[in-house]
PDB file of N, CA and C in Angstrom:
ATOM      1  N   MET A   1      -5.890  57.405  97.266  1.00  0.00           N
ATOM      2  CA  MET A   1      -4.734  57.219  96.231  1.00  0.00           C
ATOM      3  C   MET A   1      -3.749  57.809  95.932  1.00  0.00           C
ATOM      4  N   ARG A   2      -4.128  59.233  96.172  1.00  0.00           N
ATOM      5  CA  ARG A   2      -2.841  60.373  96.043  1.00  0.00           C
ATOM      6  C   ARG A   2      -1.333  59.725  96.717  1.00  0.00           C
ATOM      7  N   ALA A   3      -1.540  59.224  97.811  1.00  0.00           N
ATOM      8  CA  ALA A   3      -0.786  58.679  98.957  1.00  0.00           C
ATOM      9  C   ALA A   3      -0.165  57.539  98.215  1.00  0.00           C
ATOM     10  N   LEU A   4      -0.749  56.661  97.600  1.00  0.00           N
ATOM     11  CA  LEU A   4      -0.180  55.521  96.967  1.00  0.00           C
ATOM     12  C   LEU A   4       0.799  55.764  95.712  1.00  0.00           C
ATOM     13  N   VAL A   5      -0.019  56.775  95.090  1.00  0.00           N
ATOM     14  CA  VAL A   5       0.897  57.056  93.918  1.00  0.00           C
ATOM     15  C   VAL A   5       2.232  57.626  94.492  1.00  0.00           C
ATOM     16  N   GLU A   6       2.022  58.721  95.331  1.00  0.00           N
ATOM     17  CA  GLU A   6       3.242  59.420  95.775  1.00  0.00           C
ATOM     18  C   GLU A   6       4.151  58.283  96.406  1.00  0.00           C
ATOM     19  N   ALA A   7       3.705  57.107  96.810  1.00  0.00           N
ATOM     20  CA  ALA A   7       4.577  56.415  97.272  1.00  0.00           C
ATOM     21  C   ALA A   7       5.419  55.608  96.278  1.00  0.00           C
ATOM     22  N   MET A   8       4.540  55.227  95.218  1.00  0.00           N
ATOM     23  CA  MET A   8       5.176  54.641  94.451  1.00  0.00           C
ATOM     24  C   MET A   8       6.369  55.540  93.464  1.00  0.00           C
ATOM     25  N   ILE A   9       6.192  56.557  93.377  1.00  0.00           N
ATOM     26  CA  ILE A   9       6.729  57.502  93.046  1.00  0.00           C
ATOM     27  C   ILE A   9       7.939  57.726  93.894  1.00  0.00           C
ATOM     28  N   GLU A  10       7.934  57.583  94.885  1.00  0.00           N
ATOM     29  CA  GLU A  10       9.203  57.842  95.679  1.00  0.00           C
ATOM     30  C   GLU A  10      10.025  56.524  95.474  1.00  0.00           C
ATOM     31  N   LYS A  11       9.569  55.417  95.531  1.00  0.00           N
ATOM     32  CA  LYS A  11      10.559  54.227  95.618  1.00  0.00           C
ATOM     33  C   LYS A  11      10.756  54.294  94.110  1.00  0.00           C
ATOM     34  N   LEU A  12      10.199  54.567  93.199  1.00  0.00           N
ATOM     35  CA  LEU A  12      10.745  54.753  91.749  1.00  0.00           C
ATOM     36  C   LEU A  12      12.292  55.585  91.553  1.00  0.00           C
ATOM     37  N   ASP A  13      11.502  56.770  92.548  1.00  0.00           N
ATOM     38  CA  ASP A  13      12.928  57.384  92.527  1.00  0.00           C
ATOM     39  C   ASP A  13      14.350  57.273  93.308  1.00  0.00           C
ATOM     40  N   TYR A  14      13.771  56.493  94.400  1.00  0.00           N
ATOM     41  CA  TYR A  14      14.964  56.024  95.258  1.00  0.00           C
ATOM     42  C   TYR A  14      15.817  54.755  94.404  1.00  0.00           C
ATOM     43  N   PHE A  15      15.099  54.084  93.867  1.00  0.00           N
ATOM     44  CA  PHE A  15      16.259  52.979  92.779  1.00  0.00           C
ATOM     45  C   PHE A  15      16.658  53.770  91.276  1.00  0.00           C
ATOM     46  N   GLY A  16      16.233  54.914  91.408  1.00  0.00           N
ATOM     47  CA  GLY A  16      16.776  55.734  90.230  1.00  0.00           C
ATOM     48  C   GLY A  16      16.271  55.176  88.718  1.00  0.00           C
ATOM     49  N   ILE A  17      14.912  54.977  88.726  1.00  0.00           N
ATOM     50  CA  ILE A  17      14.051  54.209  87.711  1.00  0.00           C
ATOM     51  C   ILE A  17      13.665  55.382  86.759  1.00  0.00           C
ATOM     52  N   GLU A  18      14.110  55.371  85.494  1.00  0.00           N
ATOM     53  CA  GLU A  18      13.467  56.765  84.708  1.00  0.00           C
ATOM     54  C   GLU A  18      12.068  56.281  84.318  1.00  0.00           C
ATOM     55  N   CYS A  19      11.218  57.031  84.676  1.00  0.00           N
ATOM     56  CA  CYS A  19       9.942  57.045  83.919  1.00  0.00           C
ATOM     57  C   CYS A  19       8.954  58.287  84.108  1.00  0.00           C
ATOM     58  N   ASP A  20       9.402  59.155  83.572  1.00  0.00           N
ATOM     59  CA  ASP A  20       8.778  60.692  83.804  1.00  0.00           C
ATOM     60  C   ASP A  20       7.365  60.463  83.195  1.00  0.00           C
ATOM     61  N   TYR A  21       7.555  59.673  81.837  1.00  0.00           N
ATOM     62  CA  TYR A  21       5.686  59.454  81.014  1.00  0.00           C
ATOM     63  C   TYR A  21       5.098  58.986  82.454  1.00  0.00           C
ATOM     64  N   LEU A  22       5.189  58.198  83.138  1.00  0.00           N
ATOM     65  CA  LEU A  22       4.723  57.514  83.916  1.00  0.00           C
ATOM     66  C   LEU A  22       4.132  58.370  85.192  1.00  0.00           C
ATOM     67  N   LYS A  23       5.270  58.989  85.916  1.00  0.00           N
ATOM     68  CA  LYS A  23       4.753  60.065  86.763  1.00  0.00           C
ATOM     69  C   LYS A  23       3.708  61.376  86.368  1.00  0.00           C
ATOM     70  N   GLU A  24       4.177  61.858  84.721  1.00  0.00           N
ATOM     71  CA  GLU A  24       3.127  62.751  84.558  1.00  0.00           C
ATOM     72  C   GLU A  24       1.982  62.054  84.438  1.00  0.00           C
ATOM     73  N   ASP A  25       1.336  60.810  84.085  1.00  0.00           N
ATOM     74  CA  ASP A  25       0.521  60.565  83.604  1.00  0.00           C
ATOM     75  C   ASP A  25      -0.144  60.039  85.060  1.00  0.00           C
ATOM     76  N   ALA A  26       0.180  59.648  85.990  1.00  0.00           N
ATOM     77  CA  ALA A  26      -0.398  59.653  87.389  1.00  0.00           C
ATOM     78  C   ALA A  26      -0.765  60.772  88.055  1.00  0.00           C
ATOM     79  N   TYR A  27       0.153  61.999  87.863  1.00  0.00           N
ATOM     80  CA  TYR A  27      -0.382  63.080  88.530  1.00  0.00           C
ATOM     81  C   TYR A  27      -1.765  63.366  87.763  1.00  0.00           C
ATOM     82  N   ALA A  28      -1.753  63.769  86.567  1.00  0.00           N
ATOM     83  CA  ALA A  28      -2.773  64.078  85.619  1.00  0.00           C
ATOM     84  C   ALA A  28      -4.073  63.304  85.660  1.00  0.00           C
ATOM     85  N   GLU A  29      -3.963  62.051  85.899  1.00  0.00           N
ATOM     86  CA  GLU A  29      -4.991  61.225  86.567  1.00  0.00           C
ATOM     87  C   GLU A  29      -5.424  61.518  87.741  1.00  0.00           C
ATOM     88  N   LEU A  30      -4.752  61.954  88.526  1.00  0.00           N
ATOM     89  CA  LEU A  30      -5.046  62.218  89.904  1.00  0.00           C
ATOM     90  C   LEU A  30      -5.966  63.463  90.185  1.00  0.00           C
ATOM     91  N   GLU A  31      -5.464  64.701  89.097  1.00  0.00           N
ATOM     92  CA  GLU A  31      -5.972  65.563  88.709  1.00  0.00           C
ATOM     93  C   GLU A  31      -7.538  65.506  88.431  1.00  0.00           C
ATOM     94  N   VAL A  32      -7.796  64.354  87.321  1.00  0.00           N
ATOM     95  CA  VAL A  32      -9.442  64.192  86.842  1.00  0.00           C
ATOM     96  C   VAL A  32     -10.117  63.540  88.204  1.00  0.00           C
ATOM     97  N   ASN A  33      -9.534  62.252  88.669  1.00  0.00           N
ATOM     98  CA  ASN A  33     -10.146  61.471  89.245  1.00  0.00           C
ATOM     99  C   ASN A  33      -9.297  60.628  89.962  1.00  0.00           C
ATOM    100  N   GLU A  34      -9.074  60.855  91.471  1.00  0.00           N
ATOM    101  CA  GLU A  34      -8.286  60.260  92.161  1.00  0.00           C
ATOM    102  C   GLU A  34      -8.592  59.113  93.247  1.00  0.00           C
ATOM    103  N   PHE A  35     -10.152  59.007  92.583  1.00  0.00           N
ATOM    104  CA  PHE A  35     -10.755  57.618  93.569  1.00  0.00           C
ATOM    105  C   PHE A  35     -10.636  56.596  92.990  1.00  0.00           C
ATOM    106  N   PRO A  36     -10.574  55.448  93.711  1.00  0.00           N
ATOM    107  CA  PRO A  36     -10.732  54.063  93.292  1.00  0.00           C
ATOM    108  C   PRO A  36     -10.906  53.442  92.389  1.00  0.00           C
ATOM    109  N   ASP A  37     -12.039  54.277  91.705  1.00  0.00           N
ATOM    110  CA  ASP A  37     -12.870  53.597  90.388  1.00  0.00           C
ATOM    111  C   ASP A  37     -12.048  54.316  89.239  1.00  0.00           C
ATOM    112  N   ASN A  38     -11.032  55.004  89.545  1.00  0.00           N
ATOM    113  CA  ASN A  38     -10.309  55.346  88.135  1.00  0.00           C
ATOM    114  C   ASN A  38      -9.390  54.158  87.441  1.00  0.00           C
ATOM    115  N   GLN A  39      -9.880  53.276  86.092  1.00  0.00           N
ATOM    116  CA  GLN A  39      -8.981  52.302  85.950  1.00  0.00           C
ATOM    117  C   GLN A  39      -7.948  52.768  85.397  1.00  0.00           C
ATOM    118  N   TYR A  40      -7.696  53.995  84.286  1.00  0.00           N
ATOM    119  CA  TYR A  40      -6.357  54.559  83.836  1.00  0.00           C
ATOM    120  C   TYR A  40      -5.495  54.747  84.914  1.00  0.00           C
ATOM    121  N   LEU A  41      -5.934  55.018  85.978  1.00  0.00           N
ATOM    122  CA  LEU A  41      -5.075  55.314  87.189  1.00  0.00           C
ATOM    123  C   LEU A  41      -4.208  54.105  87.490  1.00  0.00           C
ATOM    124  N   TRP A  42      -5.110  53.022  87.747  1.00  0.00           N
ATOM    125  CA  TRP A  42      -4.880  51.601  87.950  1.00  0.00           C
ATOM    126  C   TRP A  42      -3.822  50.652  87.143  1.00  0.00           C
ATOM    127  N   ALA A  43      -3.931  51.500  86.181  1.00  0.00           N
ATOM    128  CA  ALA A  43      -3.067  50.689  84.821  1.00  0.00           C
ATOM    129  C   ALA A  43      -1.831  51.568  85.018  1.00  0.00           C
ATOM    130  N   VAL A  44      -1.874  52.707  85.342  1.00  0.00           N
ATOM    131  CA  VAL A  44      -0.482  53.294  85.217  1.00  0.00           C
ATOM    132  C   VAL A  44       0.208  52.665  86.659  1.00  0.00           C
ATOM    133  N   ILE A  45      -0.660  52.558  88.043  1.00  0.00           N
ATOM    134  CA  ILE A  45       0.065  51.926  89.145  1.00  0.00           C
ATOM    135  C   ILE A  45       0.981  50.701  88.829  1.00  0.00           C
ATOM    136  N   LYS A  46      -0.035  49.927  88.048  1.00  0.00           N
ATOM    137  CA  LYS A  46       0.288  48.622  87.761  1.00  0.00           C
ATOM    138  C   LYS A  46       1.637  48.540  87.083  1.00  0.00           C
ATOM    139  N   SER A  47       1.807  49.589  85.743  1.00  0.00           N
ATOM    140  CA  SER A  47       3.029  49.753  85.046  1.00  0.00           C
ATOM    141  C   SER A  47       4.176  50.306  86.263  1.00  0.00           C
ATOM    142  N   MET A  48       4.021  51.145  87.070  1.00  0.00           N
ATOM    143  CA  MET A  48       4.810  51.585  88.036  1.00  0.00           C
ATOM    144  C   MET A  48       5.456  50.218  88.956  1.00  0.00           C
ATOM    145  N   ALA A  49       4.376  49.766  89.050  1.00  0.00           N
ATOM    146  CA  ALA A  49       4.586  48.360  89.768  1.00  0.00           C
ATOM    147  C   ALA A  49       5.840  47.285  89.387  1.00  0.00           C
ATOM    148  N   GLY A  50       5.645  46.856  87.934  1.00  0.00           N
ATOM    149  CA  GLY A  50       5.954  46.039  87.018  1.00  0.00           C
ATOM    150  C   GLY A  50       7.767  46.710  87.016  1.00  0.00           C
ATOM    151  N   LEU A  51       7.613  47.811  86.661  1.00  0.00           N
ATOM    152  CA  LEU A  51       8.880  48.238  86.684  1.00  0.00           C
ATOM    153  C   LEU A  51       9.910  48.127  87.954  1.00  0.00           C
ATOM    154  N   LEU A  52       9.092  48.256  88.615  1.00  0.00           N
ATOM    155  CA  LEU A  52       9.800  48.166  90.662  1.00  0.00           C
ATOM    156  C   LEU A  52       9.740  46.456  90.312  1.00  0.00           C
ATOM    157  N   GLU A  53       8.913  46.009  90.323  1.00  0.00           N
ATOM    158  CA  GLU A  53       9.216  44.244  90.415  1.00  0.00           C
ATOM    159  C   GLU A  53      10.948  43.601  89.113  1.00  0.00           C
ATOM    160  N   GLN A  54      11.106  44.232  87.923  1.00  0.00           N
ATOM    161  CA  GLN A  54      12.012  44.305  87.000  1.00  0.00           C
ATOM    162  C   GLN A  54      13.325  44.684  87.821  1.00  0.00           C
ATOM    163  N   TYR A  55      13.107  45.682  88.168  1.00  0.00           N
ATOM    164  CA  TYR A  55      14.355  46.085  88.941  1.00  0.00           C
ATOM    165  C   TYR A  55      14.667  45.309  90.092  1.00  0.00           C
ATOM    166  N   THR A  56      14.077  45.278  90.780  1.00  0.00           N
ATOM    167  CA  THR A  56      14.176  44.525  92.224  1.00  0.00           C
ATOM    168  C   THR A  56      14.578  42.990  92.107  1.00  0.00           C
ATOM    169  N   ALA A  57      13.840  42.859  90.961  1.00  0.00           N
ATOM    170  CA  ALA A  57      13.990  40.771  91.278  1.00  0.00           C
ATOM    171  C   ALA A  57      15.200  40.738  90.714  1.00  0.00           C
TER     172      ALA A  57
END
């Protein structure tokens, strides 16, 4: 999960998308539980993907 989150953050930074709140939430959730059963982490990843989709679409 950590690799996925870091890849998403790298893409957000590459495109210059400001979403520090999502980055902070993602890293905080990785510290709590970095396994695929963390539903809040999936919600954060979905939000990041939505931002990327809006920017690149």
